[in-house]
Protein backbone atom coordinates (compact mmCIF):
# COMPACT_ATOMS: atom_id res chain seq x y z
CA MET A 1 -40.97 -46.23 -71.45
CA GLY A 2 -39.41 -43.20 -69.88
CA GLY A 3 -35.83 -42.18 -69.91
CA GLU A 4 -34.38 -45.54 -68.95
CA PRO A 5 -31.69 -47.28 -71.00
CA ALA A 6 -33.14 -49.62 -73.66
CA ASP A 7 -31.84 -52.69 -71.79
CA ALA A 8 -33.42 -51.60 -68.52
CA HIS A 9 -36.46 -53.88 -69.15
CA GLY A 10 -36.45 -57.59 -69.73
CA VAL A 11 -38.94 -60.43 -69.94
CA LEU A 12 -39.05 -63.36 -67.53
CA THR A 13 -39.10 -66.78 -69.22
CA GLY A 14 -41.14 -68.55 -66.51
CA ASP A 15 -38.20 -70.93 -65.71
CA PRO A 16 -36.89 -69.76 -62.34
CA ARG A 17 -33.34 -71.03 -62.89
CA THR A 18 -32.96 -69.28 -66.27
CA ASP A 19 -34.59 -66.07 -64.94
CA HIS A 20 -32.41 -66.00 -61.84
CA ARG A 21 -29.19 -66.33 -63.92
CA ALA A 22 -30.41 -63.45 -66.06
CA LEU A 23 -31.21 -61.33 -63.01
CA ASP A 24 -27.76 -62.15 -61.54
CA ALA A 25 -26.14 -61.02 -64.75
CA TRP A 26 -28.22 -57.84 -64.69
CA THR A 27 -27.08 -57.18 -61.14
CA VAL A 28 -23.42 -57.65 -61.97
CA LYS A 29 -23.65 -55.41 -64.96
CA ARG A 30 -25.53 -52.63 -63.14
CA THR A 31 -23.25 -52.55 -60.19
CA GLY A 32 -19.96 -52.95 -61.94
CA GLY A 33 -19.45 -56.36 -60.24
CA LEU A 34 -19.80 -54.98 -56.69
CA ILE A 35 -22.87 -57.13 -56.17
CA ASP A 36 -22.97 -60.46 -57.91
CA LEU A 37 -26.41 -61.91 -57.30
CA MET A 38 -30.02 -60.74 -57.06
CA PRO A 39 -31.12 -61.66 -53.48
CA LEU A 40 -34.62 -63.02 -54.17
CA THR A 41 -36.43 -66.25 -54.73
CA LEU A 42 -38.22 -66.73 -58.01
CA THR A 43 -41.03 -69.27 -58.63
CA GLU A 44 -42.87 -70.25 -61.72
CA ASP A 45 -45.66 -67.80 -60.60
CA THR A 46 -43.22 -64.78 -60.50
CA GLN A 47 -44.55 -62.29 -63.01
CA MET A 48 -42.54 -59.19 -62.29
CA VAL A 49 -39.32 -58.19 -60.50
CA PRO A 50 -39.11 -54.47 -59.94
CA ALA A 51 -35.46 -53.75 -59.23
CA SER A 52 -32.94 -51.02 -59.20
CA ALA A 53 -29.16 -50.95 -58.49
CA LEU A 54 -27.17 -48.12 -56.90
CA THR A 55 -23.48 -48.30 -55.99
CA LEU A 56 -21.10 -45.70 -54.82
CA ARG A 57 -17.34 -45.85 -55.03
CA THR A 58 -15.38 -43.46 -52.72
CA GLN A 59 -11.75 -42.64 -52.37
CA GLY A 60 -10.25 -42.39 -48.89
C-alpha cells in the first residue's frame, strides 16, 4: 500500500446487500455525510470497486 489511510482498503464479502451497506457507510464517512450512498449496482460477480471521494465546503 502507498500513503493511503489504513482503512482505505476493504474486502467485499460477495453478498451485494452487505457490500452495498458497507460502501454506503464508507461514502458517508469519507464525505462527512454530504453524500449518503455509493451510486453503483453490485452483483455476486463484483470483485473490485475502485472509488474515491472528494468534497469541498465553501463559505459565501
